[in-house]
N, C-alpha and C. Protein backbone atom coordinates (compact mmCIF):
# COMPACT_ATOMS: atom_id res chain seq x y z
N MET A 1 0.82 -1.20 0.00
CA MET A 1 0.00 0.00 0.00
C MET A 1 0.86 1.25 0.00
N GLY A 2 2.08 1.19 0.53
CA GLY A 2 2.97 2.33 0.47
C GLY A 2 2.70 3.35 1.54
N THR A 3 3.50 4.39 1.51
CA THR A 3 3.37 5.48 2.48
C THR A 3 2.39 6.52 1.97
N PRO A 4 1.91 7.39 2.86
CA PRO A 4 1.05 8.49 2.38
C PRO A 4 1.77 9.36 1.34
N GLU A 5 3.07 9.53 1.50
CA GLU A 5 3.83 10.33 0.53
C GLU A 5 3.85 9.67 -0.83
N SER A 6 4.07 8.33 -0.86
CA SER A 6 4.10 7.64 -2.15
C SER A 6 2.71 7.62 -2.77
N ALA A 7 1.67 7.51 -1.95
CA ALA A 7 0.30 7.54 -2.48
C ALA A 7 0.03 8.89 -3.13
N GLY A 8 0.49 9.97 -2.50
CA GLY A 8 0.31 11.30 -3.07
C GLY A 8 1.05 11.46 -4.39
N PHE A 9 2.28 10.94 -4.44
CA PHE A 9 3.05 11.00 -5.68
C PHE A 9 2.33 10.21 -6.77
N GLU A 10 1.83 9.03 -6.44
CA GLU A 10 1.14 8.21 -7.43
C GLU A 10 -0.12 8.91 -7.94
N ALA A 11 -0.84 9.60 -7.08
CA ALA A 11 -2.05 10.32 -7.49
C ALA A 11 -1.68 11.46 -8.45
N VAL A 12 -0.65 12.23 -8.12
CA VAL A 12 -0.20 13.32 -9.00
C VAL A 12 0.29 12.75 -10.33
N ASP A 13 0.95 11.59 -10.29
CA ASP A 13 1.42 10.95 -11.51
C ASP A 13 0.26 10.60 -12.44
N VAL A 14 -0.85 10.13 -11.89
CA VAL A 14 -2.03 9.83 -12.71
C VAL A 14 -2.52 11.11 -13.39
N VAL A 15 -2.58 12.22 -12.67
CA VAL A 15 -3.03 13.48 -13.26
C VAL A 15 -2.07 13.90 -14.39
N GLY A 16 -0.78 13.78 -14.16
CA GLY A 16 0.19 14.13 -15.20
C GLY A 16 0.04 13.25 -16.43
N ARG A 17 -0.11 11.95 -16.22
CA ARG A 17 -0.30 11.03 -17.35
C ARG A 17 -1.59 11.33 -18.10
N TYR A 18 -2.62 11.68 -17.36
CA TYR A 18 -3.92 12.01 -17.95
C TYR A 18 -3.74 13.09 -19.02
N PHE A 19 -3.07 14.18 -18.67
CA PHE A 19 -2.92 15.27 -19.63
C PHE A 19 -1.87 14.98 -20.69
N GLN A 20 -0.87 14.18 -20.38
CA GLN A 20 0.07 13.74 -21.41
C GLN A 20 -0.67 12.91 -22.46
N PHE A 21 -1.53 11.99 -22.02
CA PHE A 21 -2.30 11.17 -22.95
C PHE A 21 -3.26 12.04 -23.76
N CYS A 22 -3.86 13.04 -23.13
CA CYS A 22 -4.77 13.95 -23.83
C CYS A 22 -4.02 14.64 -24.97
N ASP A 23 -2.86 15.19 -24.69
CA ASP A 23 -2.10 15.89 -25.73
C ASP A 23 -1.57 14.95 -26.80
N ALA A 24 -1.34 13.69 -26.46
CA ALA A 24 -0.90 12.69 -27.44
C ALA A 24 -2.08 12.10 -28.21
N LYS A 25 -3.29 12.49 -27.85
CA LYS A 25 -4.52 11.98 -28.46
C LYS A 25 -4.63 10.46 -28.28
N ASP A 26 -4.18 9.98 -27.13
CA ASP A 26 -4.25 8.55 -26.81
C ASP A 26 -5.44 8.33 -25.88
N PHE A 27 -6.61 8.25 -26.48
CA PHE A 27 -7.85 8.21 -25.71
C PHE A 27 -8.07 6.85 -25.03
N ASP A 28 -7.50 5.79 -25.57
CA ASP A 28 -7.56 4.50 -24.88
C ASP A 28 -6.76 4.55 -23.58
N ALA A 29 -5.59 5.20 -23.63
CA ALA A 29 -4.79 5.34 -22.42
C ALA A 29 -5.50 6.23 -21.40
N MET A 30 -6.16 7.30 -21.88
CA MET A 30 -6.94 8.14 -20.97
C MET A 30 -8.02 7.30 -20.30
N ARG A 31 -8.73 6.49 -21.10
CA ARG A 31 -9.80 5.66 -20.57
C ARG A 31 -9.29 4.73 -19.48
N SER A 32 -8.05 4.25 -19.62
CA SER A 32 -7.48 3.32 -18.63
C SER A 32 -7.27 3.99 -17.28
N LEU A 33 -7.32 5.32 -17.23
CA LEU A 33 -7.11 6.05 -15.98
C LEU A 33 -8.41 6.37 -15.26
N TRP A 34 -9.56 6.07 -15.86
CA TRP A 34 -10.86 6.41 -15.27
C TRP A 34 -11.51 5.20 -14.61
N THR A 35 -12.29 5.49 -13.58
CA THR A 35 -13.21 4.47 -13.07
C THR A 35 -14.30 4.28 -14.12
N ASP A 36 -15.15 3.27 -13.96
CA ASP A 36 -16.17 2.99 -14.98
C ASP A 36 -17.20 4.11 -15.12
N VAL A 37 -17.43 4.83 -14.04
CA VAL A 37 -18.32 6.00 -14.05
C VAL A 37 -17.53 7.14 -13.44
N VAL A 38 -17.57 8.29 -14.11
CA VAL A 38 -16.81 9.46 -13.65
C VAL A 38 -17.79 10.62 -13.50
N SER A 39 -17.70 11.31 -12.38
CA SER A 39 -18.50 12.51 -12.17
C SER A 39 -17.72 13.69 -12.74
N VAL A 40 -18.29 14.36 -13.76
CA VAL A 40 -17.56 15.44 -14.44
C VAL A 40 -18.33 16.75 -14.44
N ASP A 41 -17.58 17.82 -14.32
CA ASP A 41 -18.09 19.18 -14.46
C ASP A 41 -16.97 19.98 -15.11
N TYR A 42 -17.07 20.20 -16.41
CA TYR A 42 -16.04 20.92 -17.16
C TYR A 42 -16.37 22.40 -17.32
N GLY A 43 -17.23 22.91 -16.47
CA GLY A 43 -17.53 24.33 -16.51
C GLY A 43 -18.13 24.81 -17.81
N GLY A 44 -18.82 23.91 -18.52
CA GLY A 44 -19.46 24.28 -19.79
C GLY A 44 -18.53 24.22 -20.99
N VAL A 45 -17.28 23.85 -20.80
CA VAL A 45 -16.32 23.81 -21.91
C VAL A 45 -16.55 22.59 -22.80
N LEU A 46 -16.84 21.45 -22.20
CA LEU A 46 -17.12 20.23 -22.96
C LEU A 46 -18.60 19.90 -22.88
N PRO A 47 -19.14 19.28 -23.94
CA PRO A 47 -20.58 18.99 -23.98
C PRO A 47 -20.95 17.72 -23.22
N ILE A 48 -20.48 17.61 -21.98
CA ILE A 48 -20.81 16.45 -21.15
C ILE A 48 -20.71 16.88 -19.70
N ASP A 49 -21.59 16.35 -18.86
CA ASP A 49 -21.67 16.81 -17.48
C ASP A 49 -22.37 15.74 -16.65
N GLY A 50 -22.03 15.68 -15.37
CA GLY A 50 -22.72 14.78 -14.45
C GLY A 50 -22.02 13.44 -14.31
N GLU A 51 -22.80 12.42 -13.92
CA GLU A 51 -22.29 11.06 -13.78
C GLU A 51 -22.24 10.45 -15.18
N VAL A 52 -21.04 10.13 -15.66
CA VAL A 52 -20.86 9.75 -17.06
C VAL A 52 -20.16 8.39 -17.15
N ASP A 53 -20.66 7.54 -18.01
CA ASP A 53 -19.97 6.29 -18.31
C ASP A 53 -18.61 6.62 -18.93
N ALA A 54 -17.57 5.96 -18.47
CA ALA A 54 -16.22 6.28 -18.93
C ALA A 54 -16.05 6.10 -20.43
N ASP A 55 -16.71 5.14 -21.02
CA ASP A 55 -16.61 4.97 -22.48
C ASP A 55 -17.24 6.14 -23.21
N ASP A 56 -18.36 6.66 -22.69
CA ASP A 56 -18.98 7.84 -23.29
C ASP A 56 -18.07 9.06 -23.13
N LEU A 57 -17.45 9.18 -21.97
CA LEU A 57 -16.52 10.29 -21.74
C LEU A 57 -15.37 10.22 -22.74
N GLY A 58 -14.83 9.03 -22.95
CA GLY A 58 -13.74 8.87 -23.92
C GLY A 58 -14.16 9.24 -25.32
N ARG A 59 -15.40 8.87 -25.69
CA ARG A 59 -15.91 9.21 -27.02
C ARG A 59 -16.01 10.73 -27.20
N VAL A 60 -16.54 11.42 -26.19
CA VAL A 60 -16.67 12.87 -26.26
C VAL A 60 -15.28 13.53 -26.31
N MET A 61 -14.37 13.07 -25.48
CA MET A 61 -13.00 13.61 -25.50
C MET A 61 -12.40 13.46 -26.90
N ALA A 62 -12.56 12.28 -27.49
CA ALA A 62 -12.00 12.04 -28.82
C ALA A 62 -12.66 12.95 -29.86
N GLU A 63 -13.98 13.11 -29.79
CA GLU A 63 -14.69 13.96 -30.75
C GLU A 63 -14.24 15.41 -30.67
N VAL A 64 -14.01 15.90 -29.47
CA VAL A 64 -13.66 17.30 -29.28
C VAL A 64 -12.16 17.54 -29.48
N ILE A 65 -11.32 16.68 -28.93
CA ILE A 65 -9.88 16.96 -28.88
C ILE A 65 -9.12 16.40 -30.08
N ALA A 66 -9.51 15.24 -30.60
CA ALA A 66 -8.75 14.62 -31.69
C ALA A 66 -8.58 15.54 -32.91
N PRO A 67 -9.58 16.35 -33.29
CA PRO A 67 -9.40 17.19 -34.46
C PRO A 67 -8.44 18.38 -34.26
N ILE A 68 -8.02 18.63 -33.04
CA ILE A 68 -7.16 19.78 -32.77
C ILE A 68 -5.70 19.34 -32.95
N PRO A 69 -4.99 19.90 -33.94
CA PRO A 69 -3.63 19.46 -34.20
C PRO A 69 -2.66 19.69 -33.04
N LEU A 70 -2.86 20.74 -32.29
CA LEU A 70 -1.93 21.04 -31.20
C LEU A 70 -2.70 21.41 -29.93
N THR A 71 -2.49 20.62 -28.90
CA THR A 71 -2.95 20.99 -27.56
C THR A 71 -1.76 20.83 -26.63
N GLN A 72 -1.73 21.65 -25.62
CA GLN A 72 -0.73 21.49 -24.58
C GLN A 72 -1.37 21.88 -23.26
N HIS A 73 -1.55 20.88 -22.40
CA HIS A 73 -2.17 21.07 -21.09
C HIS A 73 -1.06 21.09 -20.05
N MET A 74 -0.93 22.22 -19.36
CA MET A 74 0.14 22.40 -18.37
C MET A 74 -0.46 22.45 -16.98
N VAL A 75 -0.10 21.47 -16.16
CA VAL A 75 -0.59 21.34 -14.80
C VAL A 75 0.45 21.96 -13.87
N THR A 76 0.00 22.87 -13.01
CA THR A 76 0.93 23.51 -12.06
C THR A 76 0.36 23.48 -10.65
N THR A 77 1.22 23.65 -9.71
CA THR A 77 0.93 23.76 -8.27
C THR A 77 -0.01 22.69 -7.73
N PRO A 78 0.26 21.39 -8.03
CA PRO A 78 -0.64 20.36 -7.50
C PRO A 78 -0.53 20.26 -5.98
N VAL A 79 -1.68 20.12 -5.35
CA VAL A 79 -1.78 19.89 -3.91
C VAL A 79 -2.61 18.63 -3.75
N VAL A 80 -2.06 17.65 -3.01
CA VAL A 80 -2.68 16.33 -2.90
C VAL A 80 -3.13 16.09 -1.47
N ARG A 81 -4.29 15.47 -1.37
CA ARG A 81 -4.76 14.99 -0.07
C ARG A 81 -5.19 13.54 -0.27
N CYS A 82 -4.57 12.65 0.47
CA CYS A 82 -4.92 11.22 0.43
C CYS A 82 -5.57 10.85 1.74
N ASP A 83 -6.65 10.08 1.65
CA ASP A 83 -7.36 9.60 2.82
C ASP A 83 -7.78 8.17 2.54
N GLY A 84 -6.93 7.22 2.91
CA GLY A 84 -7.23 5.82 2.65
C GLY A 84 -7.23 5.52 1.18
N ASP A 85 -8.39 5.09 0.67
CA ASP A 85 -8.50 4.70 -0.73
C ASP A 85 -9.05 5.81 -1.63
N THR A 86 -9.04 7.05 -1.14
CA THR A 86 -9.43 8.18 -1.97
C THR A 86 -8.34 9.24 -1.91
N ALA A 87 -8.26 10.00 -2.98
CA ALA A 87 -7.30 11.10 -3.05
C ALA A 87 -7.94 12.25 -3.82
N THR A 88 -7.48 13.44 -3.53
CA THR A 88 -7.91 14.63 -4.25
C THR A 88 -6.66 15.39 -4.67
N VAL A 89 -6.60 15.76 -5.95
CA VAL A 89 -5.51 16.58 -6.45
C VAL A 89 -6.12 17.89 -6.95
N ARG A 90 -5.70 18.99 -6.33
CA ARG A 90 -6.11 20.33 -6.75
C ARG A 90 -4.93 20.95 -7.48
N PHE A 91 -5.21 21.62 -8.60
CA PHE A 91 -4.11 22.20 -9.38
C PHE A 91 -4.64 23.30 -10.29
N HIS A 92 -3.71 24.06 -10.84
CA HIS A 92 -4.04 25.05 -11.86
C HIS A 92 -3.75 24.42 -13.21
N LEU A 93 -4.52 24.82 -14.21
CA LEU A 93 -4.37 24.29 -15.56
C LEU A 93 -4.30 25.44 -16.54
N GLU A 94 -3.31 25.39 -17.43
CA GLU A 94 -3.25 26.27 -18.59
C GLU A 94 -3.31 25.36 -19.80
N ALA A 95 -4.31 25.55 -20.63
CA ALA A 95 -4.53 24.65 -21.76
C ALA A 95 -4.52 25.44 -23.07
N LEU A 96 -3.50 25.19 -23.88
CA LEU A 96 -3.35 25.83 -25.19
C LEU A 96 -3.95 24.94 -26.25
N HIS A 97 -4.70 25.54 -27.17
CA HIS A 97 -5.32 24.82 -28.29
C HIS A 97 -5.02 25.62 -29.56
N HIS A 98 -4.59 24.94 -30.62
CA HIS A 98 -4.24 25.63 -31.88
C HIS A 98 -4.74 24.80 -33.06
N HIS A 99 -5.41 25.48 -33.99
CA HIS A 99 -5.85 24.83 -35.23
C HIS A 99 -5.66 25.80 -36.39
N PRO A 100 -4.65 25.57 -37.25
CA PRO A 100 -4.35 26.54 -38.32
C PRO A 100 -5.47 26.68 -39.35
N ALA A 101 -6.29 25.67 -39.55
CA ALA A 101 -7.35 25.74 -40.56
C ALA A 101 -8.42 26.77 -40.21
N LEU A 102 -8.51 27.15 -38.95
CA LEU A 102 -9.49 28.17 -38.58
C LEU A 102 -9.19 29.51 -39.26
N ALA A 103 -7.92 29.78 -39.56
CA ALA A 103 -7.56 31.03 -40.24
C ALA A 103 -8.20 31.10 -41.62
N GLU A 104 -8.29 29.95 -42.29
CA GLU A 104 -8.93 29.90 -43.61
C GLU A 104 -10.41 30.26 -43.53
N ALA A 105 -11.00 30.03 -42.36
CA ALA A 105 -12.41 30.37 -42.15
C ALA A 105 -12.56 31.77 -41.57
N GLY A 106 -11.44 32.51 -41.50
CA GLY A 106 -11.48 33.87 -40.97
C GLY A 106 -11.62 33.93 -39.46
N ARG A 107 -11.25 32.86 -38.77
CA ARG A 107 -11.38 32.79 -37.32
C ARG A 107 -9.99 32.73 -36.69
N PRO A 108 -9.86 33.24 -35.46
CA PRO A 108 -8.58 33.11 -34.74
C PRO A 108 -8.22 31.64 -34.53
N THR A 109 -6.93 31.33 -34.61
CA THR A 109 -6.47 29.95 -34.59
C THR A 109 -6.12 29.42 -33.20
N ASP A 110 -6.10 30.29 -32.19
CA ASP A 110 -5.64 29.88 -30.87
C ASP A 110 -6.66 30.19 -29.79
N TRP A 111 -6.65 29.32 -28.78
CA TRP A 111 -7.48 29.51 -27.58
C TRP A 111 -6.69 28.98 -26.40
N THR A 112 -6.55 29.82 -25.39
CA THR A 112 -5.89 29.40 -24.16
C THR A 112 -6.88 29.54 -23.02
N LEU A 113 -6.98 28.47 -22.26
CA LEU A 113 -7.91 28.38 -21.14
C LEU A 113 -7.10 28.29 -19.85
N TYR A 114 -7.48 29.05 -18.87
CA TYR A 114 -6.86 29.01 -17.54
C TYR A 114 -7.94 28.56 -16.56
N ALA A 115 -7.61 27.56 -15.75
CA ALA A 115 -8.64 27.00 -14.87
C ALA A 115 -8.04 26.51 -13.56
N ARG A 116 -8.93 26.35 -12.60
CA ARG A 116 -8.62 25.66 -11.34
C ARG A 116 -9.34 24.33 -11.42
N ASN A 117 -8.61 23.26 -11.18
CA ASN A 117 -9.18 21.92 -11.33
C ASN A 117 -9.07 21.14 -10.03
N VAL A 118 -10.02 20.23 -9.87
CA VAL A 118 -9.98 19.27 -8.77
C VAL A 118 -10.27 17.90 -9.38
N ILE A 119 -9.35 16.98 -9.21
CA ILE A 119 -9.55 15.60 -9.67
C ILE A 119 -9.60 14.70 -8.45
N GLY A 120 -10.68 13.92 -8.36
CA GLY A 120 -10.82 12.92 -7.31
C GLY A 120 -10.39 11.57 -7.85
N LEU A 121 -9.70 10.81 -7.03
CA LEU A 121 -9.21 9.49 -7.43
C LEU A 121 -9.64 8.45 -6.42
N SER A 122 -9.81 7.23 -6.92
CA SER A 122 -10.13 6.08 -6.08
C SER A 122 -9.03 5.04 -6.29
N ARG A 123 -8.59 4.46 -5.18
CA ARG A 123 -7.58 3.40 -5.28
C ARG A 123 -8.27 2.10 -5.70
N THR A 124 -7.74 1.46 -6.73
CA THR A 124 -8.27 0.19 -7.22
C THR A 124 -7.16 -0.86 -7.13
N ALA A 125 -7.46 -2.07 -7.52
CA ALA A 125 -6.47 -3.15 -7.50
C ALA A 125 -5.31 -2.87 -8.45
N VAL A 126 -5.53 -2.02 -9.45
CA VAL A 126 -4.46 -1.70 -10.42
C VAL A 126 -3.90 -0.29 -10.23
N GLY A 127 -4.24 0.35 -9.12
CA GLY A 127 -3.72 1.69 -8.84
C GLY A 127 -4.81 2.74 -8.82
N TRP A 128 -4.39 4.01 -8.72
CA TRP A 128 -5.34 5.11 -8.67
C TRP A 128 -6.06 5.28 -9.99
N LYS A 129 -7.37 5.59 -9.91
CA LYS A 129 -8.19 5.88 -11.09
C LYS A 129 -8.97 7.16 -10.83
N VAL A 130 -9.14 7.95 -11.86
CA VAL A 130 -9.90 9.19 -11.78
C VAL A 130 -11.38 8.85 -11.65
N SER A 131 -11.99 9.35 -10.57
CA SER A 131 -13.42 9.12 -10.35
C SER A 131 -14.25 10.40 -10.48
N SER A 132 -13.57 11.57 -10.43
CA SER A 132 -14.30 12.83 -10.60
C SER A 132 -13.35 13.90 -11.12
N GLU A 133 -13.95 14.85 -11.84
CA GLU A 133 -13.21 16.01 -12.34
C GLU A 133 -14.11 17.23 -12.24
N LYS A 134 -13.54 18.31 -11.76
CA LYS A 134 -14.25 19.59 -11.75
C LYS A 134 -13.28 20.65 -12.23
N MET A 135 -13.70 21.38 -13.26
CA MET A 135 -12.89 22.46 -13.80
C MET A 135 -13.64 23.76 -13.64
N THR A 136 -12.98 24.74 -13.06
CA THR A 136 -13.55 26.08 -12.92
C THR A 136 -12.71 27.02 -13.77
N VAL A 137 -13.29 27.50 -14.85
CA VAL A 137 -12.58 28.40 -15.75
C VAL A 137 -12.42 29.75 -15.06
N VAL A 138 -11.19 30.28 -15.06
CA VAL A 138 -10.95 31.58 -14.44
C VAL A 138 -10.61 32.66 -15.47
N HIS A 139 -10.15 32.24 -16.66
CA HIS A 139 -9.81 33.22 -17.69
C HIS A 139 -9.61 32.48 -19.01
N GLN A 140 -9.87 33.19 -20.11
CA GLN A 140 -9.63 32.65 -21.45
C GLN A 140 -9.05 33.76 -22.32
N THR A 141 -8.17 33.38 -23.24
CA THR A 141 -7.67 34.34 -24.23
C THR A 141 -7.81 33.72 -25.61
N GLY A 142 -7.81 34.57 -26.62
CA GLY A 142 -7.91 34.09 -28.00
C GLY A 142 -9.35 33.79 -28.36
N ASN A 143 -9.52 32.75 -29.16
CA ASN A 143 -10.82 32.38 -29.72
C ASN A 143 -11.64 31.60 -28.71
N THR A 144 -12.47 32.29 -27.97
CA THR A 144 -13.29 31.63 -26.95
C THR A 144 -14.43 30.81 -27.55
N ASP A 145 -14.62 30.91 -28.87
CA ASP A 145 -15.59 30.08 -29.59
C ASP A 145 -14.91 28.92 -30.31
N PHE A 146 -13.70 28.59 -29.89
CA PHE A 146 -12.84 27.62 -30.57
C PHE A 146 -13.55 26.28 -30.81
N VAL A 147 -14.16 25.70 -29.78
CA VAL A 147 -14.79 24.38 -29.92
C VAL A 147 -15.94 24.45 -30.91
N SER A 148 -16.80 25.46 -30.82
CA SER A 148 -17.93 25.55 -31.76
C SER A 148 -17.43 25.91 -33.17
N ASP A 149 -16.36 26.71 -33.27
CA ASP A 149 -15.79 27.00 -34.59
C ASP A 149 -15.25 25.74 -35.25
N LEU A 150 -14.63 24.86 -34.47
CA LEU A 150 -14.14 23.60 -35.02
C LEU A 150 -15.29 22.72 -35.49
N ALA A 151 -16.38 22.71 -34.74
CA ALA A 151 -17.54 21.92 -35.14
C ALA A 151 -18.10 22.43 -36.46
N ARG A 152 -18.17 23.75 -36.61
CA ARG A 152 -18.65 24.32 -37.88
C ARG A 152 -17.70 23.99 -39.02
N LEU A 153 -16.39 24.08 -38.76
CA LEU A 153 -15.38 23.75 -39.77
C LEU A 153 -15.52 22.30 -40.21
N ALA A 154 -15.71 21.40 -39.26
CA ALA A 154 -15.87 19.98 -39.57
C ALA A 154 -17.14 19.71 -40.37
N GLY A 155 -18.17 20.53 -40.09
CA GLY A 155 -19.44 20.37 -40.80
C GLY A 155 -19.45 21.04 -42.17
N GLY A 156 -18.37 21.72 -42.50
CA GLY A 156 -18.27 22.33 -43.82
C GLY A 156 -18.81 23.74 -43.91
N SER A 157 -19.28 24.29 -42.78
CA SER A 157 -19.77 25.68 -42.83
C SER A 157 -18.70 26.59 -42.27
N ARG A 158 -18.66 27.79 -42.77
CA ARG A 158 -17.63 28.74 -42.31
C ARG A 158 -18.35 29.87 -41.69
């Protein structure tokens, strides 16, 4: 079971891997980090909310994030609290999104999101798994309509 310190490190490692997998567009690896049902609140940024089946969450993540050629999610100042088989990681997130094709549609190509996040984890037989996510957006720069602009671009409308 390890020490409380090692448990905290392992929980932060899951959060780091989560965003590394997101930027690598490895949605199967992301799915491997979730419990079967995840409670999510993305502050209105993603079109999914509440108690969500992990496979559905993976599908939505792939639909929204896979078309973006460049994302970079930077996790800073993680603070961990472990209590037995549960852990909470609080951190700041800066998320850069870039799609050059938006320029052809006359739209800005970049969107940067700044947020405060809380990820809840549950200890399982195979290690920590993400059981909840809450993102509170604190600031945005660039194209704040980025996700809907990408949907229009994919649909062929400009």
